[in-house]
Amino acid sequence: MNMTVVPPCCGLAPSSRLILEVEGGEHAEGGWERSRDAHLTAQGDHILRLSNPDVMTKLPGVPTRLAQEVTR
């Protein structure tokens, strides 16, 4: 899987139109995020959000989750 870092997203897999967001508690779905998400979704992109604690405590499952999303 080829991931490219694209601000303000954490990662992007262009061939699958998957955008990865790894977020901490400070990201509470602000207005700018909702607007950006609506735009990206309208373009055909899918946004996968993982929390920092989930990534840190369940790291072995992250590649599996990414693979599931890429192949959906």
C-alpha atoms as a PDB file:
ATOM      1  CA  MET A   1       0.000   0.000   0.000  1.00  0.00           C
ATOM      2  CA  ASN A   2       1.447   3.359  -1.016  1.00  0.00           C
ATOM      3  CA  MET A   3       0.650   6.105   1.514  1.00  0.00           C
ATOM      4  CA  THR A   4       1.466   9.747   0.884  1.00  0.00           C
ATOM      5  CA  VAL A   5       1.361  12.453   3.554  1.00  0.00           C
ATOM      6  CA  VAL A   6      -0.996  15.219   2.481  1.00  0.00           C
ATOM      7  CA  PRO A   7      -1.695  18.048   4.947  1.00  0.00           C
ATOM      8  CA  PRO A   8      -4.073  18.488   6.639  1.00  0.00           C
ATOM      9  CA  CYS A   9      -4.607  14.737   6.406  1.00  0.00           C
ATOM     10  CA  CYS A  10      -2.376  12.173   8.085  1.00  0.00           C
ATOM     11  CA  GLY A  11      -2.123   9.978   5.024  1.00  0.00           C
ATOM     12  CA  LEU A  12      -3.584   9.288   1.624  1.00  0.00           C
ATOM     13  CA  ALA A  13      -3.793   6.152  -0.508  1.00  0.00           C
ATOM     14  CA  PRO A  14      -4.728   7.725  -3.861  1.00  0.00           C
ATOM     15  CA  SER A  15      -5.558   4.531  -5.734  1.00  0.00           C
ATOM     16  CA  SER A  16      -8.176   3.580  -3.132  1.00  0.00           C
ATOM     17  CA  ARG A  17      -9.338   7.158  -2.384  1.00  0.00           C
ATOM     18  CA  LEU A  18      -8.659   6.506   1.309  1.00  0.00           C
ATOM     19  CA  ILE A  19      -7.675   9.339   3.628  1.00  0.00           C
ATOM     20  CA  LEU A  20      -6.268   8.417   7.026  1.00  0.00           C
ATOM     21  CA  GLU A  21      -6.766  10.672  10.038  1.00  0.00           C
ATOM     22  CA  VAL A  22      -5.055   9.866  13.337  1.00  0.00           C
ATOM     23  CA  GLU A  23      -6.514  12.204  15.886  1.00  0.00           C
ATOM     24  CA  GLY A  24      -6.071  13.184  19.477  1.00  0.00           C
ATOM     25  CA  GLY A  25      -8.690  14.569  21.806  1.00  0.00           C
ATOM     26  CA  GLU A  26      -8.199  18.092  20.510  1.00  0.00           C
ATOM     27  CA  HIS A  27      -9.877  17.174  17.209  1.00  0.00           C
ATOM     28  CA  ALA A  28     -13.541  17.308  18.110  1.00  0.00           C
ATOM     29  CA  GLU A  29     -14.919  17.477  14.596  1.00  0.00           C
ATOM     30  CA  GLY A  30     -14.636  21.231  14.267  1.00  0.00           C
ATOM     31  CA  GLY A  31     -16.562  23.150  11.631  1.00  0.00           C
ATOM     32  CA  TRP A  32     -13.586  23.270   9.262  1.00  0.00           C
ATOM     33  CA  GLU A  33     -13.224  19.466   9.501  1.00  0.00           C
ATOM     34  CA  ARG A  34     -16.892  18.895   8.667  1.00  0.00           C
ATOM     35  CA  SER A  35     -16.612  21.238   5.694  1.00  0.00           C
ATOM     36  CA  ARG A  36     -13.417  19.572   4.471  1.00  0.00           C
ATOM     37  CA  ASP A  37     -14.907  16.095   4.994  1.00  0.00           C
ATOM     38  CA  ALA A  38     -18.025  17.004   3.009  1.00  0.00           C
ATOM     39  CA  HIS A  39     -15.851  18.259   0.150  1.00  0.00           C
ATOM     40  CA  LEU A  40     -13.598  15.178   0.157  1.00  0.00           C
ATOM     41  CA  THR A  41     -16.557  12.786   0.377  1.00  0.00           C
ATOM     42  CA  ALA A  42     -18.237  14.571  -2.537  1.00  0.00           C
ATOM     43  CA  GLN A  43     -15.032  13.963  -4.518  1.00  0.00           C
ATOM     44  CA  GLY A  44     -15.345  10.212  -3.845  1.00  0.00           C
ATOM     45  CA  ASP A  45     -12.836   9.954  -1.006  1.00  0.00           C
ATOM     46  CA  HIS A  46     -13.340   7.844   2.125  1.00  0.00           C
ATOM     47  CA  ILE A  47     -12.005   9.086   5.467  1.00  0.00           C
ATOM     48  CA  LEU A  48     -10.833   6.595   8.083  1.00  0.00           C
ATOM     49  CA  ARG A  49     -10.394   8.093  11.533  1.00  0.00           C
ATOM     50  CA  LEU A  50      -8.355   6.388  14.216  1.00  0.00           C
ATOM     51  CA  SER A  51      -7.734   7.873  17.630  1.00  0.00           C
ATOM     52  CA  ASN A  52      -4.216   8.311  18.965  1.00  0.00           C
ATOM     53  CA  PRO A  53      -4.967   6.006  21.927  1.00  0.00           C
ATOM     54  CA  ASP A  54      -6.281   3.264  19.614  1.00  0.00           C
ATOM     55  CA  VAL A  55      -3.180   3.483  17.420  1.00  0.00           C
ATOM     56  CA  MET A  56      -0.868   3.426  20.436  1.00  0.00           C
ATOM     57  CA  THR A  57      -2.611   0.546  22.245  1.00  0.00           C
ATOM     58  CA  LYS A  58      -3.783  -1.510  19.268  1.00  0.00           C
ATOM     59  CA  LEU A  59      -0.934  -0.908  16.838  1.00  0.00           C
ATOM     60  CA  PRO A  60      -0.784  -4.498  15.492  1.00  0.00           C
ATOM     61  CA  GLY A  61      -4.382  -4.151  14.266  1.00  0.00           C
ATOM     62  CA  VAL A  62      -3.837  -0.879  12.390  1.00  0.00           C
ATOM     63  CA  PRO A  63      -2.378  -2.413   9.182  1.00  0.00           C
ATOM     64  CA  THR A  64      -5.231  -4.930   9.129  1.00  0.00           C
ATOM     65  CA  ARG A  65      -7.796  -2.138   9.447  1.00  0.00           C
ATOM     66  CA  LEU A  66      -6.094  -0.154   6.684  1.00  0.00           C
ATOM     67  CA  ALA A  67      -6.065  -3.202   4.402  1.00  0.00           C
ATOM     68  CA  GLN A  68      -9.781  -3.752   5.059  1.00  0.00           C
ATOM     69  CA  GLU A  69     -10.560  -0.169   4.141  1.00  0.00           C
ATOM     70  CA  VAL A  70      -8.411  -0.204   1.010  1.00  0.00           C
ATOM     71  CA  THR A  71     -10.130  -3.323  -0.317  1.00  0.00           C
ATOM     72  CA  ARG A  72     -13.692  -2.299   0.492  1.00  0.00           C
END
